[in-house]
Amino acid sequence: RWKTAVPIYHLSTSMCPKHRKAVLAKIRLLLNDGSPVLCVSTQLIEAGVDVDFGAVIRFTAGLDSIAQAAGRCNRNGNRKTGIVHLVNLQDESLGMLPDIRIGQDKAERVLDDYEENPNKFGNNRIGPEAMAWYYQNYFFARSSDMDYPVSAQVLGHDDSLLNLLSVNSQTAAMYGQSKRQAPNIHLRQSFMAAAKAFKAIDTPTRGVIVPHGQRGRGLITALCAAYLPDKEFDLLRRAQQFSVNVFPQVLERLTNAGVVQEIQEGTGILFLADSRYYSEEFGLSEKPEGKMEVLCG
């Protein structure tokens, strides 16, 4: 047993990039010194974060996510073995997260198949054979989504990106009904409509500048004092490191409570006006965590 308290750190996208980098630096320093450390993190840590823990505990998810988490265990080969634990929550609510729900279900199937015949998967739960079988099951379960459907709310009629960028049958049919003849062109793709409908990350979040540390508070003060804050490009560039992307429903609650405000009316630049709602431990919160500080008056 450790004789002293083990430091615990949190990582998530509720923390601004500057905050996350500072926490990661502390974690790496402890790990490099061989000191015990615990890190509680969202999937954030699976995306290109170079850390090497002795053990990883992860909730069951898609096999690709499991493999990414496992990649943070004994990453540098400094130990004889690393230990990865999977925890299957019985009451986890994933109704609004179909990607995770389906991935979790198909990963469990692959892991069950592995237990029955490890040789079939080269005795490797996250090896190429297991991954191939996982993706085969995953994409079959999501075959209806593979053509990337687009709703009438976005496009004016129900369609898909695959159709818009290939035969474009619906648009051609509508043209025929209107002009009483087929379009007299060989290339019928709707590139502009597809471009407007496409979203690389389908998450309508808004950036909010947060008062992390003295530099974060200083940026907010400087932008509030600026004559044309939306033209202060250097300040806005630096503010990216002190911004948190917030989902619409959370942003609405914080805005209605007066916690999130515009730097100046009409600029569209949002900032966290009440410092109590940003924790130096886990980032943006919907509940006050500290002392009130006037940031922009």
C-alpha atoms as a PDB file:
ATOM      1  CA  ARG A   1       0.000   0.000   0.000  1.00  0.00           C
ATOM      2  CA  TRP A   2       1.026   3.585  -0.631  1.00  0.00           C
ATOM      3  CA  LYS A   3       1.902   5.480   2.526  1.00  0.00           C
ATOM      4  CA  THR A   4       0.771   8.847   1.166  1.00  0.00           C
ATOM      5  CA  ALA A   5      -2.430   9.976  -0.531  1.00  0.00           C
ATOM      6  CA  VAL A   6      -2.472   9.247  -4.261  1.00  0.00           C
ATOM      7  CA  PRO A   7      -2.997  12.393  -6.390  1.00  0.00           C
ATOM      8  CA  ILE A   8      -6.175  12.212  -8.498  1.00  0.00           C
ATOM      9  CA  TYR A   9      -6.688  14.180 -11.703  1.00  0.00           C
ATOM     10  CA  HIS A  10      -9.622  14.676 -14.055  1.00  0.00           C
ATOM     11  CA  LEU A  11      -9.561  15.116 -17.843  1.00  0.00           C
ATOM     12  CA  SER A  12     -12.509  16.008 -20.066  1.00  0.00           C
ATOM     13  CA  THR A  13     -13.615  18.470 -22.734  1.00  0.00           C
ATOM     14  CA  SER A  14     -15.336  20.456 -19.956  1.00  0.00           C
ATOM     15  CA  MET A  15     -11.833  21.791 -19.361  1.00  0.00           C
ATOM     16  CA  CYS A  16     -10.307  24.296 -21.777  1.00  0.00           C
ATOM     17  CA  PRO A  17      -7.236  23.128 -23.792  1.00  0.00           C
ATOM     18  CA  LYS A  18      -4.822  25.172 -21.645  1.00  0.00           C
ATOM     19  CA  HIS A  19      -6.199  23.535 -18.507  1.00  0.00           C
ATOM     20  CA  ARG A  20      -5.988  20.018 -19.982  1.00  0.00           C
ATOM     21  CA  LYS A  21      -2.386  20.551 -21.076  1.00  0.00           C
ATOM     22  CA  ALA A  22      -1.402  21.689 -17.595  1.00  0.00           C
ATOM     23  CA  VAL A  23      -3.027  18.633 -15.981  1.00  0.00           C
ATOM     24  CA  LEU A  24      -1.416  16.278 -18.500  1.00  0.00           C
ATOM     25  CA  ALA A  25       1.985  17.806 -17.756  1.00  0.00           C
ATOM     26  CA  LYS A  26       1.513  17.062 -14.037  1.00  0.00           C
ATOM     27  CA  ILE A  27       0.382  13.492 -14.774  1.00  0.00           C
ATOM     28  CA  ARG A  28       3.342  12.810 -17.080  1.00  0.00           C
ATOM     29  CA  LEU A  29       5.778  14.195 -14.506  1.00  0.00           C
ATOM     30  CA  LEU A  30       4.437  11.824 -11.835  1.00  0.00           C
ATOM     31  CA  LEU A  31       4.405   8.852 -14.212  1.00  0.00           C
ATOM     32  CA  ASN A  32       7.958   9.531 -15.369  1.00  0.00           C
ATOM     33  CA  ASP A  33       9.087   9.640 -11.738  1.00  0.00           C
ATOM     34  CA  GLY A  34       7.363   6.317 -11.050  1.00  0.00           C
ATOM     35  CA  SER A  35       4.999   7.973  -8.580  1.00  0.00           C
ATOM     36  CA  PRO A  36       1.442   6.651  -8.093  1.00  0.00           C
ATOM     37  CA  VAL A  37      -1.271   8.706  -9.806  1.00  0.00           C
ATOM     38  CA  LEU A  38      -4.948   8.220 -10.682  1.00  0.00           C
ATOM     39  CA  CYS A  39      -6.575   9.851 -13.700  1.00  0.00           C
ATOM     40  CA  VAL A  40     -10.347   9.863 -14.246  1.00  0.00           C
ATOM     41  CA  SER A  41     -11.003  10.726 -17.876  1.00  0.00           C
ATOM     42  CA  THR A  42     -13.574  10.699 -20.638  1.00  0.00           C
ATOM     43  CA  GLN A  43     -12.751   9.370 -24.128  1.00  0.00           C
ATOM     44  CA  LEU A  44     -10.555  12.442 -24.476  1.00  0.00           C
ATOM     45  CA  ILE A  45      -7.540  10.486 -23.264  1.00  0.00           C
ATOM     46  CA  GLU A  46      -7.920   7.992 -26.119  1.00  0.00           C
ATOM     47  CA  ALA A  47      -7.313  10.581 -28.837  1.00  0.00           C
ATOM     48  CA  GLY A  48      -3.568  10.969 -29.297  1.00  0.00           C
ATOM     49  CA  VAL A  49      -2.683  11.502 -25.633  1.00  0.00           C
ATOM     50  CA  ASP A  50       0.749   9.993 -24.978  1.00  0.00           C
ATOM     51  CA  VAL A  51       0.641   8.671 -21.403  1.00  0.00           C
ATOM     52  CA  ASP A  52       1.728   5.331 -19.959  1.00  0.00           C
ATOM     53  CA  PHE A  53      -0.244   3.949 -16.999  1.00  0.00           C
ATOM     54  CA  GLY A  54       0.325   0.641 -15.269  1.00  0.00           C
ATOM     55  CA  ALA A  55      -3.387  -0.226 -15.347  1.00  0.00           C
ATOM     56  CA  VAL A  56      -6.509   0.981 -17.147  1.00  0.00           C
ATOM     57  CA  ILE A  57     -10.156   0.558 -16.095  1.00  0.00           C
ATOM     58  CA  ARG A  58     -12.687   1.285 -18.825  1.00  0.00           C
ATOM     59  CA  PHE A  59     -16.445   1.047 -19.182  1.00  0.00           C
ATOM     60  CA  THR A  60     -17.393  -1.358 -21.969  1.00  0.00           C
ATOM     61  CA  ALA A  61     -17.697   0.399 -25.331  1.00  0.00           C
ATOM     62  CA  GLY A  62     -16.822  -0.330 -28.953  1.00  0.00           C
ATOM     63  CA  LEU A  63     -13.812  -2.586 -29.402  1.00  0.00           C
ATOM     64  CA  ASP A  64     -11.975   0.258 -31.153  1.00  0.00           C
ATOM     65  CA  SER A  65     -12.416   2.482 -28.079  1.00  0.00           C
ATOM     66  CA  ILE A  66     -11.351  -0.364 -25.812  1.00  0.00           C
ATOM     67  CA  ALA A  67      -8.188  -0.815 -27.888  1.00  0.00           C
ATOM     68  CA  GLN A  68      -7.465   2.928 -27.714  1.00  0.00           C
ATOM     69  CA  ALA A  69      -7.816   2.902 -23.933  1.00  0.00           C
ATOM     70  CA  ALA A  70      -5.626  -0.198 -23.710  1.00  0.00           C
ATOM     71  CA  GLY A  71      -3.007   1.726 -25.690  1.00  0.00           C
ATOM     72  CA  ARG A  72      -2.526   3.961 -22.631  1.00  0.00           C
ATOM     73  CA  CYS A  73      -1.541   0.933 -20.519  1.00  0.00           C
ATOM     74  CA  ASN A  74       2.147  -0.055 -20.496  1.00  0.00           C
ATOM     75  CA  ARG A  75       2.474   2.048 -23.636  1.00  0.00           C
ATOM     76  CA  ASN A  76       6.259   2.259 -23.426  1.00  0.00           C
ATOM     77  CA  GLY A  77       6.820  -1.375 -22.433  1.00  0.00           C
ATOM     78  CA  ASN A  78       8.456  -0.448 -19.142  1.00  0.00           C
ATOM     79  CA  ARG A  79       6.602  -3.224 -17.310  1.00  0.00           C
ATOM     80  CA  LYS A  80       6.411  -6.937 -17.986  1.00  0.00           C
ATOM     81  CA  THR A  81       2.627  -6.675 -18.420  1.00  0.00           C
ATOM     82  CA  GLY A  82      -0.115  -4.066 -18.229  1.00  0.00           C
ATOM     83  CA  ILE A  83      -3.579  -4.694 -16.825  1.00  0.00           C
ATOM     84  CA  VAL A  84      -6.786  -3.563 -18.538  1.00  0.00           C
ATOM     85  CA  HIS A  85     -10.140  -4.044 -16.776  1.00  0.00           C
ATOM     86  CA  LEU A  86     -13.504  -3.750 -18.557  1.00  0.00           C
ATOM     87  CA  VAL A  87     -16.540  -2.787 -16.477  1.00  0.00           C
ATOM     88  CA  ASN A  88     -19.992  -3.558 -17.870  1.00  0.00           C
ATOM     89  CA  LEU A  89     -22.520  -1.218 -16.249  1.00  0.00           C
ATOM     90  CA  GLN A  90     -25.970  -2.752 -15.888  1.00  0.00           C
ATOM     91  CA  ASP A  91     -27.985   0.479 -15.686  1.00  0.00           C
ATOM     92  CA  GLU A  92     -26.061   2.680 -18.142  1.00  0.00           C
ATOM     93  CA  SER A  93     -28.441   4.873 -20.161  1.00  0.00           C
ATOM     94  CA  LEU A  94     -27.351   4.910 -23.809  1.00  0.00           C
ATOM     95  CA  GLY A  95     -30.689   5.594 -25.510  1.00  0.00           C
ATOM     96  CA  MET A  96     -29.442   8.917 -26.910  1.00  0.00           C
ATOM     97  CA  LEU A  97     -26.003   7.513 -27.821  1.00  0.00           C
ATOM     98  CA  PRO A  98     -26.589   4.883 -30.540  1.00  0.00           C
ATOM     99  CA  ASP A  99     -22.931   4.833 -31.643  1.00  0.00           C
ATOM    100  CA  ILE A 100     -21.789   3.804 -28.176  1.00  0.00           C
ATOM    101  CA  ARG A 101     -24.742   1.466 -27.560  1.00  0.00           C
ATOM    102  CA  ILE A 102     -24.245  -0.474 -30.797  1.00  0.00           C
ATOM    103  CA  GLY A 103     -20.460  -0.479 -30.403  1.00  0.00           C
ATOM    104  CA  GLN A 104     -20.804  -1.831 -26.873  1.00  0.00           C
ATOM    105  CA  ASP A 105     -23.176  -4.586 -28.007  1.00  0.00           C
ATOM    106  CA  LYS A 106     -20.941  -5.720 -30.883  1.00  0.00           C
ATOM    107  CA  ALA A 107     -17.798  -5.580 -28.732  1.00  0.00           C
ATOM    108  CA  GLU A 108     -19.450  -7.883 -26.203  1.00  0.00           C
ATOM    109  CA  ARG A 109     -20.278 -10.310 -29.000  1.00  0.00           C
ATOM    110  CA  VAL A 110     -16.661 -10.364 -30.213  1.00  0.00           C
ATOM    111  CA  LEU A 111     -15.353 -10.866 -26.672  1.00  0.00           C
ATOM    112  CA  ASP A 112     -17.834 -13.731 -26.138  1.00  0.00           C
ATOM    113  CA  ASP A 113     -16.735 -15.316 -29.428  1.00  0.00           C
ATOM    114  CA  TYR A 114     -13.136 -14.953 -28.322  1.00  0.00           C
ATOM    115  CA  GLU A 115     -13.795 -16.864 -25.107  1.00  0.00           C
ATOM    116  CA  GLU A 116     -15.244 -19.729 -27.136  1.00  0.00           C
ATOM    117  CA  ASN A 117     -12.373 -19.898 -29.631  1.00  0.00           C
ATOM    118  CA  PRO A 118      -9.296 -17.732 -28.895  1.00  0.00           C
ATOM    119  CA  ASN A 119      -7.322 -19.375 -31.724  1.00  0.00           C
ATOM    120  CA  LYS A 120      -9.768 -17.951 -34.261  1.00  0.00           C
ATOM    121  CA  PHE A 121      -8.599 -14.477 -33.199  1.00  0.00           C
ATOM    122  CA  GLY A 122      -4.895 -15.228 -32.937  1.00  0.00           C
ATOM    123  CA  ASN A 123      -5.160 -15.279 -29.129  1.00  0.00           C
ATOM    124  CA  ASN A 124      -5.487 -11.492 -29.170  1.00  0.00           C
ATOM    125  CA  ARG A 125      -8.706  -9.816 -28.038  1.00  0.00           C
ATOM    126  CA  ILE A 126      -7.910  -6.574 -29.847  1.00  0.00           C
ATOM    127  CA  GLY A 127      -5.812  -7.973 -32.685  1.00  0.00           C
ATOM    128  CA  PRO A 128      -6.543  -7.652 -36.430  1.00  0.00           C
ATOM    129  CA  GLU A 129      -8.838 -10.705 -36.539  1.00  0.00           C
ATOM    130  CA  ALA A 130     -10.936  -9.485 -33.612  1.00  0.00           C
ATOM    131  CA  MET A 131     -11.129  -5.966 -35.034  1.00  0.00           C
ATOM    132  CA  ALA A 132     -12.179  -7.235 -38.460  1.00  0.00           C
ATOM    133  CA  TRP A 133     -14.969  -9.310 -36.904  1.00  0.00           C
ATOM    134  CA  TYR A 134     -16.046  -6.343 -34.746  1.00  0.00           C
ATOM    135  CA  TYR A 135     -16.303  -3.948 -37.686  1.00  0.00           C
ATOM    136  CA  GLN A 136     -18.131  -6.522 -39.777  1.00  0.00           C
ATOM    137  CA  ASN A 137     -20.785  -6.787 -37.066  1.00  0.00           C
ATOM    138  CA  TYR A 138     -20.815  -3.062 -36.297  1.00  0.00           C
ATOM    139  CA  PHE A 139     -21.268  -1.848 -39.868  1.00  0.00           C
ATOM    140  CA  PHE A 140     -23.908  -4.505 -40.572  1.00  0.00           C
ATOM    141  CA  ALA A 141     -25.896  -3.214 -37.584  1.00  0.00           C
ATOM    142  CA  ARG A 142     -25.557   0.337 -38.893  1.00  0.00           C
ATOM    143  CA  SER A 143     -26.050  -0.392 -42.592  1.00  0.00           C
ATOM    144  CA  SER A 144     -28.994   2.021 -42.766  1.00  0.00           C
ATOM    145  CA  ASP A 145     -26.700   4.852 -41.673  1.00  0.00           C
ATOM    146  CA  MET A 146     -23.829   4.092 -44.021  1.00  0.00           C
ATOM    147  CA  ASP A 147     -25.241   6.226 -46.840  1.00  0.00           C
ATOM    148  CA  TYR A 148     -25.405   9.191 -44.413  1.00  0.00           C
ATOM    149  CA  PRO A 149     -29.111  10.123 -44.480  1.00  0.00           C
ATOM    150  CA  VAL A 150     -30.079  13.808 -44.630  1.00  0.00           C
ATOM    151  CA  SER A 151     -33.466  14.924 -43.306  1.00  0.00           C
ATOM    152  CA  ALA A 152     -35.998  17.131 -45.049  1.00  0.00           C
ATOM    153  CA  GLN A 153     -35.430  19.705 -42.315  1.00  0.00           C
ATOM    154  CA  VAL A 154     -31.894  20.189 -43.630  1.00  0.00           C
ATOM    155  CA  LEU A 155     -32.360  19.637 -47.361  1.00  0.00           C
ATOM    156  CA  GLY A 156     -36.054  20.211 -48.119  1.00  0.00           C
ATOM    157  CA  HIS A 157     -36.600  16.510 -48.804  1.00  0.00           C
ATOM    158  CA  ASP A 158     -35.342  13.275 -47.268  1.00  0.00           C
ATOM    159  CA  ASP A 159     -32.221  12.056 -49.061  1.00  0.00           C
ATOM    160  CA  SER A 160     -28.682  10.882 -48.372  1.00  0.00           C
ATOM    161  CA  LEU A 161     -25.201  12.192 -49.032  1.00  0.00           C
ATOM    162  CA  LEU A 162     -24.426   9.028 -50.986  1.00  0.00           C
ATOM    163  CA  ASN A 163     -27.325   9.661 -53.359  1.00  0.00           C
ATOM    164  CA  LEU A 164     -26.571  13.393 -53.684  1.00  0.00           C
ATOM    165  CA  LEU A 165     -23.001  12.609 -54.719  1.00  0.00           C
ATOM    166  CA  SER A 166     -23.832   9.675 -57.014  1.00  0.00           C
ATOM    167  CA  VAL A 167     -26.928   9.203 -59.189  1.00  0.00           C
ATOM    168  CA  ASN A 168     -28.893  11.943 -57.386  1.00  0.00           C
ATOM    169  CA  SER A 169     -32.127  10.199 -58.346  1.00  0.00           C
ATOM    170  CA  GLN A 170     -34.532  12.314 -56.295  1.00  0.00           C
ATOM    171  CA  THR A 171     -33.300  15.632 -57.632  1.00  0.00           C
ATOM    172  CA  ALA A 172     -33.336  14.287 -61.187  1.00  0.00           C
ATOM    173  CA  ALA A 173     -36.890  13.015 -60.672  1.00  0.00           C
ATOM    174  CA  MET A 174     -38.069  16.372 -59.314  1.00  0.00           C
ATOM    175  CA  TYR A 175     -36.469  18.117 -62.302  1.00  0.00           C
ATOM    176  CA  GLY A 176     -38.274  15.702 -64.645  1.00  0.00           C
ATOM    177  CA  GLN A 177     -41.624  16.382 -63.012  1.00  0.00           C
ATOM    178  CA  SER A 178     -41.083  20.129 -63.350  1.00  0.00           C
ATOM    179  CA  LYS A 179     -39.601  20.237 -66.875  1.00  0.00           C
ATOM    180  CA  ARG A 180     -41.292  17.091 -68.220  1.00  0.00           C
ATOM    181  CA  GLN A 181     -37.915  15.757 -69.313  1.00  0.00           C
ATOM    182  CA  ALA A 182     -34.797  14.314 -67.720  1.00  0.00           C
ATOM    183  CA  PRO A 183     -31.837  16.650 -67.061  1.00  0.00           C
ATOM    184  CA  ASN A 184     -29.759  16.911 -70.231  1.00  0.00           C
ATOM    185  CA  ILE A 185     -26.469  16.487 -68.408  1.00  0.00           C
ATOM    186  CA  HIS A 186     -24.277  13.498 -67.573  1.00  0.00           C
ATOM    187  CA  LEU A 187     -23.064  14.658 -64.151  1.00  0.00           C
ATOM    188  CA  ARG A 188     -26.103  15.116 -61.929  1.00  0.00           C
ATOM    189  CA  GLN A 189     -24.497  15.343 -58.501  1.00  0.00           C
ATOM    190  CA  SER A 190     -25.635  18.079 -56.103  1.00  0.00           C
ATOM    191  CA  PHE A 191     -22.238  19.036 -54.736  1.00  0.00           C
ATOM    192  CA  MET A 192     -23.355  22.316 -53.168  1.00  0.00           C
ATOM    193  CA  ALA A 193     -26.352  20.765 -51.383  1.00  0.00           C
ATOM    194  CA  ALA A 194     -24.193  17.908 -50.109  1.00  0.00           C
ATOM    195  CA  ALA A 195     -21.553  20.348 -48.869  1.00  0.00           C
ATOM    196  CA  LYS A 196     -24.156  22.359 -46.935  1.00  0.00           C
ATOM    197  CA  ALA A 197     -25.688  19.207 -45.425  1.00  0.00           C
ATOM    198  CA  PHE A 198     -22.380  17.577 -44.484  1.00  0.00           C
ATOM    199  CA  LYS A 199     -20.957  17.956 -41.001  1.00  0.00           C
ATOM    200  CA  ALA A 200     -17.657  16.327 -40.102  1.00  0.00           C
ATOM    201  CA  ILE A 201     -18.684  16.384 -36.441  1.00  0.00           C
ATOM    202  CA  ASP A 202     -22.454  16.570 -36.030  1.00  0.00           C
ATOM    203  CA  THR A 203     -22.319  18.458 -32.747  1.00  0.00           C
ATOM    204  CA  PRO A 204     -23.784  22.000 -32.692  1.00  0.00           C
ATOM    205  CA  THR A 205     -21.667  23.291 -29.818  1.00  0.00           C
ATOM    206  CA  ARG A 206     -20.687  26.900 -29.065  1.00  0.00           C
ATOM    207  CA  GLY A 207     -17.359  28.029 -27.705  1.00  0.00           C
ATOM    208  CA  VAL A 208     -17.356  29.818 -24.339  1.00  0.00           C
ATOM    209  CA  ILE A 209     -14.226  31.590 -23.064  1.00  0.00           C
ATOM    210  CA  VAL A 210     -13.591  30.539 -19.459  1.00  0.00           C
ATOM    211  CA  PRO A 211     -11.588  32.247 -16.669  1.00  0.00           C
ATOM    212  CA  HIS A 212      -8.962  29.546 -16.250  1.00  0.00           C
ATOM    213  CA  GLY A 213      -6.017  30.995 -14.352  1.00  0.00           C
ATOM    214  CA  GLN A 214      -4.744  34.536 -14.506  1.00  0.00           C
ATOM    215  CA  ARG A 215      -4.253  34.433 -18.290  1.00  0.00           C
ATOM    216  CA  GLY A 216      -7.820  33.311 -18.916  1.00  0.00           C
ATOM    217  CA  ARG A 217      -9.228  36.040 -16.711  1.00  0.00           C
ATOM    218  CA  GLY A 218      -6.915  38.570 -18.361  1.00  0.00           C
ATOM    219  CA  LEU A 219      -8.135  37.624 -21.845  1.00  0.00           C
ATOM    220  CA  ILE A 220     -11.758  38.073 -20.835  1.00  0.00           C
ATOM    221  CA  THR A 221     -10.981  41.490 -19.296  1.00  0.00           C
ATOM    222  CA  ALA A 222      -9.062  42.590 -22.416  1.00  0.00           C
ATOM    223  CA  LEU A 223     -11.881  41.521 -24.751  1.00  0.00           C
ATOM    224  CA  CYS A 224     -14.494  43.240 -22.601  1.00  0.00           C
ATOM    225  CA  ALA A 225     -12.451  46.455 -22.707  1.00  0.00           C
ATOM    226  CA  ALA A 226     -11.804  46.298 -26.473  1.00  0.00           C
ATOM    227  CA  TYR A 227     -13.574  48.792 -28.741  1.00  0.00           C
ATOM    228  CA  LEU A 228     -14.284  46.099 -31.356  1.00  0.00           C
ATOM    229  CA  PRO A 229     -13.666  42.749 -29.634  1.00  0.00           C
ATOM    230  CA  ASP A 230     -14.652  40.722 -32.707  1.00  0.00           C
ATOM    231  CA  LYS A 231     -11.758  42.434 -34.569  1.00  0.00           C
ATOM    232  CA  GLU A 232      -9.148  41.649 -31.911  1.00  0.00           C
ATOM    233  CA  PHE A 233      -7.827  38.657 -33.852  1.00  0.00           C
ATOM    234  CA  ASP A 234      -4.743  38.088 -31.692  1.00  0.00           C
ATOM    235  CA  LEU A 235      -6.834  38.027 -28.515  1.00  0.00           C
ATOM    236  CA  LEU A 236      -9.421  35.735 -30.120  1.00  0.00           C
ATOM    237  CA  ARG A 237      -6.686  33.385 -31.333  1.00  0.00           C
ATOM    238  CA  ARG A 238      -5.271  33.126 -27.813  1.00  0.00           C
ATOM    239  CA  ALA A 239      -8.778  32.742 -26.411  1.00  0.00           C
ATOM    240  CA  GLN A 240      -9.139  29.429 -28.277  1.00  0.00           C
ATOM    241  CA  GLN A 241      -6.872  27.851 -25.659  1.00  0.00           C
ATOM    242  CA  PHE A 242      -9.248  29.117 -22.957  1.00  0.00           C
ATOM    243  CA  SER A 243     -12.527  28.073 -24.570  1.00  0.00           C
ATOM    244  CA  VAL A 244     -14.891  25.189 -23.828  1.00  0.00           C
ATOM    245  CA  ASN A 245     -17.369  23.869 -26.402  1.00  0.00           C
ATOM    246  CA  VAL A 246     -20.816  23.735 -24.800  1.00  0.00           C
ATOM    247  CA  PHE A 247     -23.877  21.780 -25.981  1.00  0.00           C
ATOM    248  CA  PRO A 248     -27.022  23.821 -26.792  1.00  0.00           C
ATOM    249  CA  GLN A 249     -29.140  22.596 -23.872  1.00  0.00           C
ATOM    250  CA  VAL A 250     -26.371  23.328 -21.356  1.00  0.00           C
ATOM    251  CA  LEU A 251     -25.620  26.695 -22.964  1.00  0.00           C
ATOM    252  CA  GLU A 252     -29.294  27.662 -22.766  1.00  0.00           C
ATOM    253  CA  ARG A 253     -29.447  26.909 -19.050  1.00  0.00           C
ATOM    254  CA  LEU A 254     -26.247  28.811 -18.306  1.00  0.00           C
ATOM    255  CA  THR A 255     -27.331  31.767 -20.459  1.00  0.00           C
ATOM    256  CA  ASN A 256     -30.764  31.951 -18.825  1.00  0.00           C
ATOM    257  CA  ALA A 257     -29.051  31.965 -15.428  1.00  0.00           C
ATOM    258  CA  GLY A 258     -26.819  34.851 -16.533  1.00  0.00           C
ATOM    259  CA  VAL A 259     -23.711  32.697 -16.127  1.00  0.00           C
ATOM    260  CA  VAL A 260     -22.775  32.881 -19.828  1.00  0.00           C
ATOM    261  CA  GLN A 261     -22.920  36.289 -21.524  1.00  0.00           C
ATOM    262  CA  GLU A 262     -21.729  38.009 -24.690  1.00  0.00           C
ATOM    263  CA  ILE A 263     -18.482  39.989 -24.448  1.00  0.00           C
ATOM    264  CA  GLN A 264     -20.416  42.811 -26.081  1.00  0.00           C
ATOM    265  CA  GLU A 265     -23.937  42.620 -27.465  1.00  0.00           C
ATOM    266  CA  GLY A 266     -24.031  41.504 -31.082  1.00  0.00           C
ATOM    267  CA  THR A 267     -20.474  40.137 -31.218  1.00  0.00           C
ATOM    268  CA  GLY A 268     -21.467  36.509 -30.692  1.00  0.00           C
ATOM    269  CA  ILE A 269     -18.382  36.043 -28.493  1.00  0.00           C
ATOM    270  CA  LEU A 270     -19.442  34.218 -25.333  1.00  0.00           C
ATOM    271  CA  PHE A 271     -17.665  34.136 -21.985  1.00  0.00           C
ATOM    272  CA  LEU A 272     -18.286  32.671 -18.542  1.00  0.00           C
ATOM    273  CA  ALA A 273     -19.260  35.701 -16.479  1.00  0.00           C
ATOM    274  CA  ASP A 274     -19.363  33.883 -13.134  1.00  0.00           C
ATOM    275  CA  SER A 275     -16.043  32.278 -12.200  1.00  0.00           C
ATOM    276  CA  ARG A 276     -17.765  30.004  -9.666  1.00  0.00           C
ATOM    277  CA  TYR A 277     -18.937  27.856 -12.586  1.00  0.00           C
ATOM    278  CA  TYR A 278     -15.435  26.904 -13.676  1.00  0.00           C
ATOM    279  CA  SER A 279     -13.651  24.446 -11.409  1.00  0.00           C
ATOM    280  CA  GLU A 280      -9.878  24.220 -11.464  1.00  0.00           C
ATOM    281  CA  GLU A 281     -10.341  20.481 -10.853  1.00  0.00           C
ATOM    282  CA  PHE A 282     -12.843  19.458 -13.538  1.00  0.00           C
ATOM    283  CA  GLY A 283     -13.680  22.525 -15.644  1.00  0.00           C
ATOM    284  CA  LEU A 284     -17.041  23.978 -16.628  1.00  0.00           C
ATOM    285  CA  SER A 285     -19.892  23.148 -14.259  1.00  0.00           C
ATOM    286  CA  GLU A 286     -23.611  23.842 -14.146  1.00  0.00           C
ATOM    287  CA  LYS A 287     -23.327  24.426 -10.417  1.00  0.00           C
ATOM    288  CA  PRO A 288     -21.229  27.064  -8.589  1.00  0.00           C
ATOM    289  CA  GLU A 289     -18.033  25.566  -7.198  1.00  0.00           C
ATOM    290  CA  GLY A 290     -16.041  28.487  -5.800  1.00  0.00           C
ATOM    291  CA  LYS A 291     -16.021  32.164  -4.904  1.00  0.00           C
ATOM    292  CA  MET A 292     -17.636  34.808  -7.065  1.00  0.00           C
ATOM    293  CA  GLU A 293     -15.295  37.071  -9.045  1.00  0.00           C
ATOM    294  CA  VAL A 294     -16.306  40.019 -11.234  1.00  0.00           C
ATOM    295  CA  LEU A 295     -14.812  39.362 -14.673  1.00  0.00           C
ATOM    296  CA  CYS A 296     -16.398  41.937 -16.953  1.00  0.00           C
ATOM    297  CA  GLY A 297     -18.186  45.003 -15.749  1.00  0.00           C
END
